[in-house]
Amino acid sequence: MPPAKKEHEKMGKRRLTRILAKADSRELAALSADIQKTHQPIIVKGPEKTLAMIKLREPVNQSLFYLGETIVHEAVVEIEGTQGIAVLMCSGRESDATRTLDMAIIDAAINKGILTDMDTLLELERQQNDQVMRENALHLKTMVNFESMDQVAPSDLNAFKGDAK
């Protein structure tokens, strides 16, 4: 029987990146600080600004195209021979470089399998999903139901001619 997958192996890079990118700077700093207490990350490439192409999928033909370029921070960190990489779109805040470095440290720890606080990441994801659901609920209150508007309108324009007389 194959061994059970560890929680960090089940998470997946896309899901992890989404959680870290949405996380608050303080939460990232706390996770990164916990890792640095027991391990010494080596900065391979410090958080630097660079350009990245934004790739989108066209919805009709499902073809990929490049929308343009954006400025991002990119960092590479190594913990005991295992690399962690983070790329974060610049928001204009001064904390972008620090956030990117913290994200790279967390990524390296997960890649190495030494992150002991996966519960914090899962709790962050739950809070982020709850926030999205609350925001969606606010938007749903203002949504117009065009079907109900169509049911009120008469299908025969002659019905209006009788009202005009």
N, C-alpha and C. Protein backbone atom coordinates (compact mmCIF):
# COMPACT_ATOMS: atom_id res chain seq x y z
N MET A 1 0.85 -1.17 0.00
CA MET A 1 0.00 0.00 0.00
C MET A 1 0.90 1.24 0.00
N PRO A 2 0.65 2.24 -0.92
CA PRO A 2 1.49 3.42 -0.98
C PRO A 2 1.31 4.28 0.26
N PRO A 3 2.37 4.98 0.68
CA PRO A 3 2.25 5.84 1.86
C PRO A 3 1.29 6.99 1.59
N ALA A 4 0.62 7.44 2.63
CA ALA A 4 -0.33 8.56 2.50
C ALA A 4 0.46 9.82 2.17
N LYS A 5 -0.13 10.65 1.30
CA LYS A 5 0.52 11.90 0.94
C LYS A 5 0.46 12.87 2.11
N LYS A 6 1.54 13.61 2.28
CA LYS A 6 1.56 14.64 3.31
C LYS A 6 0.67 15.78 2.85
N GLU A 7 0.24 16.60 3.82
CA GLU A 7 -0.68 17.71 3.52
C GLU A 7 -0.08 18.68 2.50
N HIS A 8 1.24 18.97 2.61
CA HIS A 8 1.85 19.92 1.68
C HIS A 8 1.91 19.36 0.26
N GLU A 9 1.96 18.03 0.11
CA GLU A 9 1.98 17.44 -1.22
C GLU A 9 0.60 17.48 -1.86
N LYS A 10 -0.45 17.47 -1.05
CA LYS A 10 -1.81 17.53 -1.56
C LYS A 10 -2.21 18.94 -1.96
N MET A 11 -1.56 19.94 -1.39
CA MET A 11 -2.00 21.31 -1.59
C MET A 11 -1.88 21.77 -3.03
N GLY A 12 -0.78 21.56 -3.69
CA GLY A 12 -0.60 22.02 -5.06
C GLY A 12 -0.11 23.46 -5.11
N LYS A 13 0.74 23.74 -6.09
CA LYS A 13 1.36 25.07 -6.19
C LYS A 13 0.35 26.17 -6.46
N ARG A 14 -0.62 25.91 -7.32
CA ARG A 14 -1.60 26.94 -7.66
C ARG A 14 -2.39 27.36 -6.42
N ARG A 15 -2.83 26.38 -5.66
CA ARG A 15 -3.61 26.66 -4.45
C ARG A 15 -2.76 27.38 -3.42
N LEU A 16 -1.53 26.90 -3.22
CA LEU A 16 -0.62 27.54 -2.27
C LEU A 16 -0.35 28.99 -2.66
N THR A 17 -0.07 29.23 -3.92
CA THR A 17 0.22 30.58 -4.39
C THR A 17 -0.97 31.51 -4.17
N ARG A 18 -2.16 31.00 -4.43
CA ARG A 18 -3.36 31.81 -4.23
C ARG A 18 -3.52 32.21 -2.75
N ILE A 19 -3.28 31.25 -1.86
CA ILE A 19 -3.40 31.53 -0.42
C ILE A 19 -2.37 32.57 0.00
N LEU A 20 -1.12 32.37 -0.40
CA LEU A 20 -0.05 33.28 0.01
C LEU A 20 -0.22 34.67 -0.59
N ALA A 21 -0.65 34.76 -1.84
CA ALA A 21 -0.81 36.07 -2.50
C ALA A 21 -1.91 36.89 -1.84
N LYS A 22 -2.95 36.23 -1.35
CA LYS A 22 -4.07 36.94 -0.72
C LYS A 22 -3.81 37.21 0.76
N ALA A 23 -2.81 36.58 1.34
CA ALA A 23 -2.55 36.70 2.78
C ALA A 23 -2.04 38.09 3.12
N ASP A 24 -2.31 38.48 4.34
CA ASP A 24 -1.84 39.76 4.88
C ASP A 24 -0.33 39.69 5.13
N SER A 25 0.34 40.81 5.04
CA SER A 25 1.80 40.86 5.26
C SER A 25 2.20 40.32 6.63
N ARG A 26 1.40 40.62 7.66
CA ARG A 26 1.72 40.16 9.01
C ARG A 26 1.65 38.65 9.12
N GLU A 27 0.65 38.06 8.44
CA GLU A 27 0.51 36.59 8.48
C GLU A 27 1.68 35.92 7.79
N LEU A 28 2.10 36.47 6.64
CA LEU A 28 3.26 35.92 5.93
C LEU A 28 4.53 36.07 6.77
N ALA A 29 4.69 37.23 7.39
CA ALA A 29 5.88 37.47 8.22
C ALA A 29 5.94 36.50 9.40
N ALA A 30 4.79 36.21 10.00
CA ALA A 30 4.76 35.29 11.14
C ALA A 30 5.15 33.88 10.72
N LEU A 31 4.60 33.41 9.58
CA LEU A 31 4.96 32.08 9.09
C LEU A 31 6.44 32.00 8.73
N SER A 32 6.93 33.03 8.06
CA SER A 32 8.34 33.08 7.66
C SER A 32 9.25 33.12 8.89
N ALA A 33 8.88 33.88 9.90
CA ALA A 33 9.69 33.97 11.12
C ALA A 33 9.77 32.63 11.83
N ASP A 34 8.65 31.88 11.85
CA ASP A 34 8.66 30.55 12.48
C ASP A 34 9.64 29.62 11.77
N ILE A 35 9.69 29.71 10.46
CA ILE A 35 10.61 28.86 9.68
C ILE A 35 12.06 29.26 9.97
N GLN A 36 12.30 30.57 10.05
CA GLN A 36 13.66 31.07 10.25
C GLN A 36 14.19 30.79 11.65
N LYS A 37 13.32 30.46 12.60
CA LYS A 37 13.78 30.11 13.95
C LYS A 37 14.56 28.80 13.94
N THR A 38 14.16 27.87 13.05
CA THR A 38 14.78 26.54 13.05
C THR A 38 15.64 26.27 11.82
N HIS A 39 15.50 27.07 10.77
CA HIS A 39 16.26 26.86 9.54
C HIS A 39 16.82 28.19 9.05
N GLN A 40 17.91 28.11 8.34
CA GLN A 40 18.58 29.30 7.84
C GLN A 40 18.39 29.42 6.33
N PRO A 41 17.41 30.20 5.87
CA PRO A 41 17.24 30.35 4.42
C PRO A 41 18.37 31.18 3.81
N ILE A 42 18.78 30.76 2.63
CA ILE A 42 19.80 31.49 1.86
C ILE A 42 19.09 32.18 0.71
N ILE A 43 19.30 33.48 0.60
CA ILE A 43 18.66 34.24 -0.48
C ILE A 43 19.49 34.06 -1.74
N VAL A 44 18.93 33.35 -2.71
CA VAL A 44 19.59 33.12 -3.99
C VAL A 44 19.41 34.35 -4.88
N LYS A 45 18.19 34.85 -4.90
CA LYS A 45 17.88 36.07 -5.66
C LYS A 45 16.94 36.90 -4.80
N GLY A 46 17.43 38.04 -4.37
CA GLY A 46 16.62 38.92 -3.53
C GLY A 46 15.41 39.44 -4.28
N PRO A 47 14.41 39.93 -3.55
CA PRO A 47 13.20 40.42 -4.21
C PRO A 47 13.51 41.64 -5.08
N GLU A 48 13.44 41.43 -6.38
CA GLU A 48 13.73 42.49 -7.34
C GLU A 48 12.54 42.70 -8.24
N LYS A 49 12.41 43.92 -8.72
CA LYS A 49 11.35 44.22 -9.68
C LYS A 49 11.77 43.71 -11.05
N THR A 50 10.82 43.15 -11.75
CA THR A 50 11.05 42.67 -13.11
C THR A 50 9.72 42.73 -13.86
N LEU A 51 9.78 42.51 -15.15
CA LEU A 51 8.56 42.50 -15.97
C LEU A 51 8.12 41.07 -16.23
N ALA A 52 6.82 40.86 -16.23
CA ALA A 52 6.26 39.55 -16.55
C ALA A 52 5.10 39.75 -17.53
N MET A 53 4.98 38.82 -18.46
CA MET A 53 3.88 38.86 -19.41
C MET A 53 2.62 38.31 -18.76
N ILE A 54 1.50 38.95 -19.03
CA ILE A 54 0.21 38.47 -18.52
C ILE A 54 -0.44 37.66 -19.64
N LYS A 55 -0.64 36.38 -19.37
CA LYS A 55 -1.22 35.47 -20.36
C LYS A 55 -2.67 35.22 -19.99
N LEU A 56 -3.56 35.34 -20.98
CA LEU A 56 -4.98 35.08 -20.78
C LEU A 56 -5.49 34.09 -21.82
N ARG A 57 -6.61 33.46 -21.49
CA ARG A 57 -7.26 32.55 -22.43
C ARG A 57 -8.48 33.25 -23.00
N GLU A 58 -8.54 33.33 -24.31
CA GLU A 58 -9.67 33.94 -25.01
C GLU A 58 -10.87 33.00 -24.85
N PRO A 59 -12.03 33.50 -24.38
CA PRO A 59 -13.12 32.60 -23.99
C PRO A 59 -13.83 31.88 -25.14
N VAL A 60 -13.85 32.43 -26.34
CA VAL A 60 -14.59 31.79 -27.43
C VAL A 60 -13.79 30.66 -28.05
N ASN A 61 -12.59 30.95 -28.52
CA ASN A 61 -11.75 29.93 -29.18
C ASN A 61 -10.85 29.19 -28.19
N GLN A 62 -10.82 29.63 -26.94
CA GLN A 62 -9.97 29.03 -25.91
C GLN A 62 -8.48 29.11 -26.26
N SER A 63 -8.10 30.10 -27.06
CA SER A 63 -6.69 30.27 -27.41
C SER A 63 -6.01 31.21 -26.42
N LEU A 64 -4.72 30.98 -26.20
CA LEU A 64 -3.95 31.82 -25.29
C LEU A 64 -3.40 33.03 -26.02
N PHE A 65 -3.37 34.16 -25.32
CA PHE A 65 -2.73 35.35 -25.89
C PHE A 65 -2.13 36.16 -24.74
N TYR A 66 -1.21 37.05 -25.09
CA TYR A 66 -0.56 37.89 -24.10
C TYR A 66 -1.24 39.25 -24.06
N LEU A 67 -1.74 39.60 -22.90
CA LEU A 67 -2.44 40.87 -22.72
C LEU A 67 -1.45 42.03 -22.67
N GLY A 68 -0.30 41.80 -22.07
CA GLY A 68 0.71 42.84 -21.93
C GLY A 68 1.66 42.49 -20.80
N GLU A 69 2.43 43.47 -20.37
CA GLU A 69 3.40 43.25 -19.31
C GLU A 69 2.96 43.95 -18.03
N THR A 70 3.44 43.42 -16.91
CA THR A 70 3.21 44.06 -15.63
C THR A 70 4.49 43.96 -14.80
N ILE A 71 4.62 44.84 -13.84
CA ILE A 71 5.79 44.83 -12.97
C ILE A 71 5.50 43.88 -11.80
N VAL A 72 6.45 42.99 -11.54
CA VAL A 72 6.33 42.03 -10.44
C VAL A 72 7.60 42.04 -9.60
N HIS A 73 7.48 41.55 -8.37
CA HIS A 73 8.65 41.26 -7.54
C HIS A 73 8.87 39.75 -7.63
N GLU A 74 10.13 39.37 -7.74
CA GLU A 74 10.49 37.96 -7.85
C GLU A 74 11.61 37.68 -6.86
N ALA A 75 11.50 36.55 -6.15
CA ALA A 75 12.54 36.16 -5.18
C ALA A 75 12.75 34.65 -5.23
N VAL A 76 14.01 34.24 -5.01
CA VAL A 76 14.36 32.82 -4.94
C VAL A 76 15.14 32.62 -3.65
N VAL A 77 14.73 31.61 -2.87
CA VAL A 77 15.35 31.31 -1.58
C VAL A 77 15.67 29.82 -1.56
N GLU A 78 16.69 29.46 -0.80
CA GLU A 78 17.06 28.05 -0.66
C GLU A 78 17.17 27.69 0.81
N ILE A 79 16.55 26.56 1.16
CA ILE A 79 16.66 26.02 2.52
C ILE A 79 17.20 24.60 2.40
N GLU A 80 18.41 24.40 2.88
CA GLU A 80 19.05 23.07 2.88
C GLU A 80 18.99 22.40 1.51
N GLY A 81 19.31 23.17 0.47
CA GLY A 81 19.37 22.63 -0.88
C GLY A 81 18.05 22.61 -1.64
N THR A 82 16.97 23.03 -1.03
CA THR A 82 15.66 23.05 -1.69
C THR A 82 15.24 24.49 -1.92
N GLN A 83 14.89 24.79 -3.18
CA GLN A 83 14.54 26.16 -3.53
C GLN A 83 13.06 26.45 -3.34
N GLY A 84 12.81 27.71 -3.07
CA GLY A 84 11.45 28.25 -3.03
C GLY A 84 11.43 29.50 -3.87
N ILE A 85 10.37 29.67 -4.64
CA ILE A 85 10.26 30.80 -5.56
C ILE A 85 8.95 31.52 -5.30
N ALA A 86 8.98 32.84 -5.41
CA ALA A 86 7.75 33.63 -5.29
C ALA A 86 7.79 34.76 -6.31
N VAL A 87 6.65 34.99 -6.93
CA VAL A 87 6.46 36.10 -7.85
C VAL A 87 5.16 36.77 -7.44
N LEU A 88 5.21 38.09 -7.21
CA LEU A 88 4.05 38.83 -6.74
C LEU A 88 3.90 40.10 -7.54
N MET A 89 2.72 40.32 -8.08
CA MET A 89 2.47 41.53 -8.85
C MET A 89 2.60 42.74 -7.93
N CYS A 90 3.31 43.76 -8.39
CA CYS A 90 3.53 44.95 -7.58
C CYS A 90 2.22 45.71 -7.40
N SER A 91 1.95 46.07 -6.16
CA SER A 91 0.74 46.83 -5.86
C SER A 91 1.09 48.29 -5.58
N GLY A 92 2.37 48.60 -5.54
CA GLY A 92 2.80 49.95 -5.24
C GLY A 92 3.11 50.15 -3.76
N ARG A 93 2.85 49.14 -2.94
CA ARG A 93 3.15 49.25 -1.52
C ARG A 93 4.62 48.93 -1.28
N GLU A 94 5.17 49.53 -0.27
CA GLU A 94 6.57 49.29 0.07
C GLU A 94 6.80 47.88 0.56
N SER A 95 5.76 47.24 1.07
CA SER A 95 5.90 45.90 1.65
C SER A 95 5.93 44.80 0.59
N ASP A 96 5.78 45.13 -0.69
CA ASP A 96 5.74 44.10 -1.73
C ASP A 96 7.01 43.25 -1.74
N ALA A 97 8.17 43.87 -1.61
CA ALA A 97 9.44 43.13 -1.64
C ALA A 97 9.54 42.19 -0.43
N THR A 98 9.16 42.66 0.74
CA THR A 98 9.20 41.83 1.94
C THR A 98 8.22 40.67 1.83
N ARG A 99 7.02 40.95 1.34
CA ARG A 99 6.02 39.90 1.16
C ARG A 99 6.52 38.82 0.21
N THR A 100 7.16 39.24 -0.88
CA THR A 100 7.67 38.28 -1.86
C THR A 100 8.74 37.40 -1.24
N LEU A 101 9.64 37.98 -0.46
CA LEU A 101 10.69 37.21 0.21
C LEU A 101 10.08 36.22 1.21
N ASP A 102 9.10 36.67 1.98
CA ASP A 102 8.43 35.77 2.94
C ASP A 102 7.74 34.63 2.20
N MET A 103 7.10 34.92 1.08
CA MET A 103 6.43 33.89 0.29
C MET A 103 7.43 32.86 -0.23
N ALA A 104 8.61 33.32 -0.66
CA ALA A 104 9.64 32.40 -1.17
C ALA A 104 10.16 31.50 -0.04
N ILE A 105 10.32 32.06 1.16
CA ILE A 105 10.77 31.26 2.30
C ILE A 105 9.74 30.19 2.64
N ILE A 106 8.47 30.56 2.64
CA ILE A 106 7.40 29.59 2.93
C ILE A 106 7.35 28.52 1.85
N ASP A 107 7.52 28.92 0.59
CA ASP A 107 7.52 27.96 -0.52
C ASP A 107 8.68 26.97 -0.38
N ALA A 108 9.85 27.47 -0.02
CA ALA A 108 11.01 26.58 0.17
C ALA A 108 10.76 25.60 1.31
N ALA A 109 10.17 26.09 2.38
CA ALA A 109 9.88 25.22 3.52
C ALA A 109 8.87 24.13 3.14
N ILE A 110 7.88 24.49 2.36
CA ILE A 110 6.89 23.50 1.92
C ILE A 110 7.54 22.50 0.98
N ASN A 111 8.35 22.99 0.04
CA ASN A 111 9.05 22.10 -0.88
C ASN A 111 9.96 21.12 -0.13
N LYS A 112 10.58 21.59 0.92
CA LYS A 112 11.48 20.76 1.73
C LYS A 112 10.70 19.82 2.66
N GLY A 113 9.43 20.17 2.91
CA GLY A 113 8.61 19.35 3.81
C GLY A 113 8.84 19.65 5.27
N ILE A 114 9.30 20.87 5.56
CA ILE A 114 9.61 21.22 6.95
C ILE A 114 8.62 22.22 7.55
N LEU A 115 7.63 22.63 6.80
CA LEU A 115 6.64 23.56 7.35
C LEU A 115 5.76 22.79 8.32
N THR A 116 5.80 23.19 9.57
CA THR A 116 5.06 22.46 10.61
C THR A 116 3.67 23.06 10.85
N ASP A 117 3.40 24.21 10.25
CA ASP A 117 2.15 24.92 10.54
C ASP A 117 1.23 24.98 9.32
N MET A 118 0.94 23.82 8.74
CA MET A 118 0.02 23.77 7.60
C MET A 118 -1.38 24.20 8.01
N ASP A 119 -1.73 24.00 9.28
CA ASP A 119 -3.05 24.40 9.76
C ASP A 119 -3.27 25.90 9.60
N THR A 120 -2.23 26.69 9.77
CA THR A 120 -2.35 28.14 9.58
C THR A 120 -2.68 28.46 8.14
N LEU A 121 -2.01 27.79 7.19
CA LEU A 121 -2.32 28.01 5.78
C LEU A 121 -3.76 27.62 5.45
N LEU A 122 -4.20 26.51 5.98
CA LEU A 122 -5.57 26.06 5.73
C LEU A 122 -6.59 27.01 6.36
N GLU A 123 -6.26 27.56 7.52
CA GLU A 123 -7.15 28.54 8.16
C GLU A 123 -7.18 29.84 7.36
N LEU A 124 -6.03 30.27 6.84
CA LEU A 124 -6.00 31.45 5.97
C LEU A 124 -6.88 31.25 4.75
N GLU A 125 -6.79 30.07 4.15
CA GLU A 125 -7.61 29.77 2.97
C GLU A 125 -9.09 29.82 3.32
N ARG A 126 -9.46 29.27 4.47
CA ARG A 126 -10.86 29.27 4.89
C ARG A 126 -11.36 30.71 5.08
N GLN A 127 -10.55 31.55 5.73
CA GLN A 127 -10.92 32.94 5.95
C GLN A 127 -11.05 33.69 4.61
N GLN A 128 -10.13 33.43 3.68
CA GLN A 128 -10.19 34.08 2.38
C GLN A 128 -11.44 33.66 1.61
N ASN A 129 -11.78 32.38 1.66
CA ASN A 129 -12.98 31.89 0.98
C ASN A 129 -14.24 32.49 1.60
N ASP A 130 -14.28 32.61 2.94
CA ASP A 130 -15.41 33.24 3.61
C ASP A 130 -15.57 34.69 3.17
N GLN A 131 -14.45 35.40 3.05
CA GLN A 131 -14.49 36.80 2.61
C GLN A 131 -15.04 36.91 1.19
N VAL A 132 -14.62 36.02 0.31
CA VAL A 132 -15.12 36.03 -1.07
C VAL A 132 -16.62 35.75 -1.09
N MET A 133 -17.08 34.82 -0.26
CA MET A 133 -18.50 34.51 -0.21
C MET A 133 -19.31 35.70 0.31
N ARG A 134 -18.79 36.42 1.31
CA ARG A 134 -19.49 37.61 1.81
C ARG A 134 -19.56 38.69 0.73
N GLU A 135 -18.46 38.90 0.00
CA GLU A 135 -18.47 39.89 -1.07
C GLU A 135 -19.42 39.50 -2.19
N ASN A 136 -19.45 38.22 -2.55
CA ASN A 136 -20.37 37.76 -3.59
C ASN A 136 -21.82 37.95 -3.15
N ALA A 137 -22.11 37.71 -1.88
CA ALA A 137 -23.46 37.90 -1.37
C ALA A 137 -23.90 39.36 -1.49
N LEU A 138 -22.98 40.29 -1.25
CA LEU A 138 -23.30 41.71 -1.41
C LEU A 138 -23.61 42.04 -2.87
N HIS A 139 -22.86 41.46 -3.79
CA HIS A 139 -23.09 41.71 -5.21
C HIS A 139 -24.40 41.10 -5.68
N LEU A 140 -24.76 39.94 -5.14
CA LEU A 140 -25.99 39.27 -5.55
C LEU A 140 -27.22 40.10 -5.20
N LYS A 141 -27.15 40.89 -4.13
CA LYS A 141 -28.28 41.73 -3.74
C LYS A 141 -28.62 42.76 -4.81
N THR A 142 -27.63 43.18 -5.58
CA THR A 142 -27.86 44.22 -6.59
C THR A 142 -28.05 43.66 -7.99
N MET A 143 -28.03 42.33 -8.14
CA MET A 143 -28.13 41.72 -9.46
C MET A 143 -29.56 41.85 -9.99
N VAL A 144 -29.69 42.19 -11.26
CA VAL A 144 -30.98 42.35 -11.91
C VAL A 144 -31.35 41.03 -12.57
N ASN A 145 -32.60 40.60 -12.39
CA ASN A 145 -33.10 39.39 -13.02
C ASN A 145 -33.88 39.80 -14.27
N PHE A 146 -33.26 39.67 -15.43
CA PHE A 146 -33.88 40.12 -16.67
C PHE A 146 -35.04 39.23 -17.09
N GLU A 147 -35.06 37.99 -16.65
CA GLU A 147 -36.17 37.10 -16.97
C GLU A 147 -37.47 37.64 -16.41
N SER A 148 -37.44 38.10 -15.17
CA SER A 148 -38.66 38.62 -14.56
C SER A 148 -39.11 39.88 -15.27
N MET A 149 -38.20 40.67 -15.81
CA MET A 149 -38.58 41.87 -16.56
C MET A 149 -39.26 41.48 -17.87
N ASP A 150 -38.80 40.42 -18.51
CA ASP A 150 -39.41 39.97 -19.77
C ASP A 150 -40.82 39.47 -19.55
N GLN A 151 -41.11 38.87 -18.43
CA GLN A 151 -42.42 38.31 -18.16
C GLN A 151 -43.46 39.42 -18.00
N VAL A 152 -43.06 40.60 -17.57
CA VAL A 152 -43.99 41.70 -17.36
C VAL A 152 -44.38 42.34 -18.67
N ALA A 153 -43.45 42.41 -19.63
CA ALA A 153 -43.70 43.09 -20.90
C ALA A 153 -44.65 42.26 -21.77
N PRO A 154 -45.66 42.90 -22.36
CA PRO A 154 -46.57 42.16 -23.26
C PRO A 154 -45.85 41.79 -24.54
N SER A 155 -46.23 40.65 -25.11
CA SER A 155 -45.60 40.21 -26.34
C SER A 155 -46.25 40.86 -27.57
N ASP A 156 -47.43 41.43 -27.40
CA ASP A 156 -48.15 42.05 -28.52
C ASP A 156 -48.08 43.56 -28.37
N LEU A 157 -47.48 44.25 -29.34
CA LEU A 157 -47.35 45.71 -29.28
C LEU A 157 -48.71 46.39 -29.43
N ASN A 158 -49.69 45.72 -30.01
CA ASN A 158 -51.01 46.31 -30.16
C ASN A 158 -51.67 46.54 -28.81
N ALA A 159 -51.22 45.88 -27.78
CA ALA A 159 -51.78 46.10 -26.45
C ALA A 159 -51.53 47.51 -25.98
N PHE A 160 -50.46 48.15 -26.44
CA PHE A 160 -50.17 49.51 -26.05
C PHE A 160 -51.02 50.52 -26.83
N LYS A 161 -51.44 50.16 -28.05
CA LYS A 161 -52.22 51.09 -28.88
C LYS A 161 -53.57 51.39 -28.24
N GLY A 162 -54.15 50.39 -27.56
CA GLY A 162 -55.44 50.62 -26.92
C GLY A 162 -55.32 51.58 -25.75
N ASP A 163 -54.16 51.61 -25.07
CA ASP A 163 -53.96 52.50 -23.91
C ASP A 163 -53.76 53.93 -24.35
N ALA A 164 -53.29 54.16 -25.57
CA ALA A 164 -52.97 55.51 -26.04
C ALA A 164 -54.22 56.31 -26.37
N LYS A 165 -55.35 55.66 -26.64
CA LYS A 165 -56.58 56.38 -27.04
C LYS A 165 -57.29 56.98 -25.90
